[in-house]
Amino acid sequence: MPRTLEITLLFLQSFHVAFLLLHDWISLGHLNDIAAVRRANSTQALLAGTLLSSAPFLFGLAACLRDYGHPYPQWLHIWLWASYGLLFFGELRAWWIPYLFHADPALVVRYKSMFGRTHSFLPVRNGIVPNTLHVTLHLATLATLLLLSQLP
């Protein structure tokens, strides 16, 4: 695999792991609202969500680092495609389908309470707007899938 492709893939995986581990715990200014997230979720729920959501990506990153400079085994290709494919499906389902087509009223209330004070650059549609931090994550997920399609 070309070195640039491998390094870029490792960078994107590292971004995902860092995002999933930290975005609900460390303030990033106007990009997130830690206090609002904590009002909407118990510490126990946040901890469980952080650990469960980041584990598959941390495992995939560790496996890629282990095989750095060598062809990835078939099981790792499958793992990466499955984990990032499911993540992208979840991002579409959680943000883009409600935003573009129809948002459940309860989702609108929840998103406004957790993300209403965060930075966004898109217009509000169906009562919600994907914030800048989540749009960045979603673009990184799409870029990761595009890179995965280039693996030998």
Foldseek 3Di string as FASTA:
>chain_A
DDLVLLVLLLVLLVVVLCCLQPVLPDDPDQQWDNVLVCVLDPPVRSVVSSCVLNVLSVVLSVQSVVQPPHARDPVSLVSLCVSLVVVLVVLCVLPVCCQPPNDDPVSLVSCCSTNVRHAADDDGGNNDGDHPVSVVNNVSSVVSNVSSVVGD
